[in-house]
PDB file of N, CA and C in Angstrom:
ATOM      1  N   UNK A   1     -25.709  19.149  10.521  1.00  0.00           N
ATOM      2  CA  UNK A   1     -24.753  19.894   9.559  1.00  0.00           C
ATOM      3  C   UNK A   1     -24.084  18.577   9.131  1.00  0.00           C
ATOM      4  N   UNK A   2     -24.305  18.766   7.622  1.00  0.00           N
ATOM      5  CA  UNK A   2     -23.442  17.838   7.095  1.00  0.00           C
ATOM      6  C   UNK A   2     -22.178  18.417   6.676  1.00  0.00           C
ATOM      7  N   UNK A   3     -21.215  17.166   6.400  1.00  0.00           N
ATOM      8  CA  UNK A   3     -20.031  17.684   5.923  1.00  0.00           C
ATOM      9  C   UNK A   3     -19.810  17.899   4.474  1.00  0.00           C
ATOM     10  N   UNK A   4     -19.019  19.047   4.422  1.00  0.00           N
ATOM     11  CA  UNK A   4     -19.030  19.165   2.928  1.00  0.00           C
ATOM     12  C   UNK A   4     -18.376  18.265   2.002  1.00  0.00           C
ATOM     13  N   UNK A   5     -18.951  17.947   0.712  1.00  0.00           N
ATOM     14  CA  UNK A   5     -18.451  17.234  -0.057  1.00  0.00           C
ATOM     15  C   UNK A   5     -17.099  17.062  -0.564  1.00  0.00           C
ATOM     16  N   UNK A   6     -16.516  16.202  -0.754  1.00  0.00           N
ATOM     17  CA  UNK A   6     -14.955  16.005  -0.988  1.00  0.00           C
ATOM     18  C   UNK A   6     -14.965  16.509  -2.341  1.00  0.00           C
ATOM     19  N   UNK A   7     -13.834  17.004  -2.593  1.00  0.00           N
ATOM     20  CA  UNK A   7     -13.562  17.773  -4.115  1.00  0.00           C
ATOM     21  C   UNK A   7     -12.920  16.129  -4.643  1.00  0.00           C
ATOM     22  N   UNK A   8     -13.136  16.512  -6.060  1.00  0.00           N
ATOM     23  CA  UNK A   8     -12.629  15.374  -6.983  1.00  0.00           C
ATOM     24  C   UNK A   8     -10.997  15.023  -6.778  1.00  0.00           C
ATOM     25  N   UNK A   9     -10.004  16.392  -6.689  1.00  0.00           N
ATOM     26  CA  UNK A   9      -8.954  16.012  -6.364  1.00  0.00           C
ATOM     27  C   UNK A   9      -8.554  15.449  -5.307  1.00  0.00           C
ATOM     28  N   UNK A  10      -9.419  15.660  -4.124  1.00  0.00           N
ATOM     29  CA  UNK A  10      -9.064  15.214  -2.654  1.00  0.00           C
ATOM     30  C   UNK A  10      -9.423  13.685  -2.809  1.00  0.00           C
ATOM     31  N   UNK A  11     -10.103  13.220  -3.812  1.00  0.00           N
ATOM     32  CA  UNK A  11     -10.670  11.598  -3.723  1.00  0.00           C
ATOM     33  C   UNK A  11      -9.482  10.977  -4.412  1.00  0.00           C
ATOM     34  N   UNK A  12      -8.968  11.496  -5.612  1.00  0.00           N
ATOM     35  CA  UNK A  12      -8.044  11.291  -6.784  1.00  0.00           C
ATOM     36  C   UNK A  12      -6.691  10.901  -5.607  1.00  0.00           C
ATOM     37  N   UNK A  13      -6.331  12.102  -4.788  1.00  0.00           N
ATOM     38  CA  UNK A  13      -5.200  12.016  -3.981  1.00  0.00           C
ATOM     39  C   UNK A  13      -5.208  10.645  -3.229  1.00  0.00           C
ATOM     40  N   UNK A  14      -6.417  10.506  -2.513  1.00  0.00           N
ATOM     41  CA  UNK A  14      -6.599   9.366  -1.353  1.00  0.00           C
ATOM     42  C   UNK A  14      -6.589   8.104  -2.182  1.00  0.00           C
ATOM     43  N   UNK A  15      -6.939   7.715  -3.503  1.00  0.00           N
ATOM     44  CA  UNK A  15      -6.809   6.652  -4.322  1.00  0.00           C
ATOM     45  C   UNK A  15      -5.349   6.372  -4.603  1.00  0.00           C
ATOM     46  N   UNK A  16      -4.682   7.604  -5.080  1.00  0.00           N
ATOM     47  CA  UNK A  16      -3.131   7.483  -5.253  1.00  0.00           C
ATOM     48  C   UNK A  16      -2.471   6.818  -4.252  1.00  0.00           C
ATOM     49  N   UNK A  17      -2.689   7.453  -3.193  1.00  0.00           N
ATOM     50  CA  UNK A  17      -2.016   7.383  -1.996  1.00  0.00           C
ATOM     51  C   UNK A  17      -2.243   5.517  -1.503  1.00  0.00           C
ATOM     52  N   UNK A  18      -3.537   5.298  -1.639  1.00  0.00           N
ATOM     53  CA  UNK A  18      -3.792   3.904  -1.206  1.00  0.00           C
ATOM     54  C   UNK A  18      -3.212   2.901  -2.335  1.00  0.00           C
ATOM     55  N   UNK A  19      -2.906   3.458  -3.460  1.00  0.00           N
ATOM     56  CA  UNK A  19      -2.422   2.625  -4.499  1.00  0.00           C
ATOM     57  C   UNK A  19      -0.827   2.283  -4.648  1.00  0.00           C
ATOM     58  N   UNK A  20      -0.204   3.495  -4.050  1.00  0.00           N
ATOM     59  CA  UNK A  20       0.844   3.519  -3.687  1.00  0.00           C
ATOM     60  C   UNK A  20       1.415   2.615  -2.290  1.00  0.00           C
ATOM     61  N   UNK A  21       0.764   2.720  -1.598  1.00  0.00           N
ATOM     62  CA  UNK A  21       0.816   1.879  -0.186  1.00  0.00           C
ATOM     63  C   UNK A  21       0.629   0.221  -0.341  1.00  0.00           C
ATOM     64  N   UNK A  22      -0.484   0.174  -1.178  1.00  0.00           N
ATOM     65  CA  UNK A  22      -0.521  -1.196  -1.618  1.00  0.00           C
ATOM     66  C   UNK A  22       0.537  -1.993  -2.349  1.00  0.00           C
ATOM     67  N   UNK A  23       1.203  -0.868  -3.395  1.00  0.00           N
ATOM     68  CA  UNK A  23       2.528  -1.352  -4.122  1.00  0.00           C
ATOM     69  C   UNK A  23       3.449  -1.990  -3.208  1.00  0.00           C
ATOM     70  N   UNK A  24       3.890  -1.005  -2.210  1.00  0.00           N
ATOM     71  CA  UNK A  24       4.669  -0.908  -1.268  1.00  0.00           C
ATOM     72  C   UNK A  24       4.628  -2.186  -0.222  1.00  0.00           C
ATOM     73  N   UNK A  25       3.420  -2.446   0.209  1.00  0.00           N
ATOM     74  CA  UNK A  25       3.239  -3.657   0.848  1.00  0.00           C
ATOM     75  C   UNK A  25       3.444  -4.952   0.199  1.00  0.00           C
ATOM     76  N   UNK A  26       2.876  -4.941  -1.266  1.00  0.00           N
ATOM     77  CA  UNK A  26       3.171  -6.026  -1.964  1.00  0.00           C
ATOM     78  C   UNK A  26       4.600  -6.465  -2.282  1.00  0.00           C
ATOM     79  N   UNK A  27       5.508  -5.399  -2.730  1.00  0.00           N
ATOM     80  CA  UNK A  27       6.760  -5.472  -2.828  1.00  0.00           C
ATOM     81  C   UNK A  27       7.518  -6.036  -1.516  1.00  0.00           C
ATOM     82  N   UNK A  28       7.363  -5.400  -0.381  1.00  0.00           N
ATOM     83  CA  UNK A  28       7.721  -5.873   0.886  1.00  0.00           C
ATOM     84  C   UNK A  28       7.527  -7.306   1.021  1.00  0.00           C
ATOM     85  N   UNK A  29       6.179  -8.050   0.930  1.00  0.00           N
ATOM     86  CA  UNK A  29       5.769  -9.243   1.089  1.00  0.00           C
ATOM     87  C   UNK A  29       6.498 -10.031   0.166  1.00  0.00           C
ATOM     88  N   UNK A  30       6.928  -9.645  -0.892  1.00  0.00           N
ATOM     89  CA  UNK A  30       7.617 -10.520  -1.866  1.00  0.00           C
ATOM     90  C   UNK A  30       9.144 -10.469  -1.367  1.00  0.00           C
ATOM     91  N   UNK A  31       9.748  -9.523  -0.937  1.00  0.00           N
ATOM     92  CA  UNK A  31      11.137  -9.503  -0.700  1.00  0.00           C
ATOM     93  C   UNK A  31      11.035 -10.507   0.761  1.00  0.00           C
ATOM     94  N   UNK A  32      10.312 -10.421   1.638  1.00  0.00           N
ATOM     95  CA  UNK A  32      10.322 -11.484   2.717  1.00  0.00           C
ATOM     96  C   UNK A  32       9.918 -12.782   2.466  1.00  0.00           C
ATOM     97  N   UNK A  33       9.111 -13.043   1.468  1.00  0.00           N
ATOM     98  CA  UNK A  33       8.687 -14.235   1.003  1.00  0.00           C
ATOM     99  C   UNK A  33      10.156 -14.856   0.198  1.00  0.00           C
ATOM    100  N   UNK A  34      10.826 -14.330  -0.592  1.00  0.00           N
ATOM    101  CA  UNK A  34      11.863 -14.541  -1.208  1.00  0.00           C
ATOM    102  C   UNK A  34      13.162 -14.927  -0.292  1.00  0.00           C
ATOM    103  N   UNK A  35      13.436 -14.043   0.634  1.00  0.00           N
ATOM    104  CA  UNK A  35      14.302 -14.291   1.512  1.00  0.00           C
ATOM    105  C   UNK A  35      14.107 -15.609   2.569  1.00  0.00           C
ATOM    106  N   UNK A  36      12.746 -15.913   2.732  1.00  0.00           N
ATOM    107  CA  UNK A  36      12.427 -17.199   3.559  1.00  0.00           C
ATOM    108  C   UNK A  36      12.562 -18.249   2.825  1.00  0.00           C
ATOM    109  N   UNK A  37      12.621 -17.987   1.430  1.00  0.00           N
ATOM    110  CA  UNK A  37      12.543 -19.483   0.645  1.00  0.00           C
ATOM    111  C   UNK A  37      14.341 -19.724   0.552  1.00  0.00           C
ATOM    112  N   UNK A  38      14.898 -18.445   0.630  1.00  0.00           N
ATOM    113  CA  UNK A  38      16.380 -18.602   0.407  1.00  0.00           C
ATOM    114  C   UNK A  38      17.189 -19.266   1.704  1.00  0.00           C
ATOM    115  N   UNK A  39      16.284 -19.139   2.817  1.00  0.00           N
ATOM    116  CA  UNK A  39      16.716 -19.509   4.216  1.00  0.00           C
ATOM    117  C   UNK A  39      17.591 -18.526   4.993  1.00  0.00           C
ATOM    118  N   UNK A  40      17.298 -17.217   4.485  1.00  0.00           N
ATOM    119  CA  UNK A  40      18.187 -16.103   4.932  1.00  0.00           C
ATOM    120  C   UNK A  40      17.445 -15.626   6.707  1.00  0.00           C
ATOM    121  N   UNK A  41      16.155 -15.997   6.474  1.00  0.00           N
ATOM    122  CA  UNK A  41      15.373 -15.586   7.349  1.00  0.00           C
ATOM    123  C   UNK A  41      14.535 -16.779   7.925  1.00  0.00           C
ATOM    124  N   UNK A  42      14.130 -16.419   9.394  1.00  0.00           N
ATOM    125  CA  UNK A  42      13.234 -17.344  10.004  1.00  0.00           C
ATOM    126  C   UNK A  42      11.856 -17.391   9.706  1.00  0.00           C
ATOM    127  N   UNK A  43      11.137 -18.288   9.359  1.00  0.00           N
ATOM    128  CA  UNK A  43       9.771 -17.781   9.055  1.00  0.00           C
ATOM    129  C   UNK A  43       8.761 -17.315  10.326  1.00  0.00           C
TER     130      UNK A  43
END
């Protein structure tokens, strides 16, 4: 038995979620690096 093919909306939803998660990770990384450069946090 083959799994049913995913609908187009489901694929778009997964891509959108992945993009949002990547953006959040990028912003968090920038915030951490900025705080390390200022000496507010230990590396």
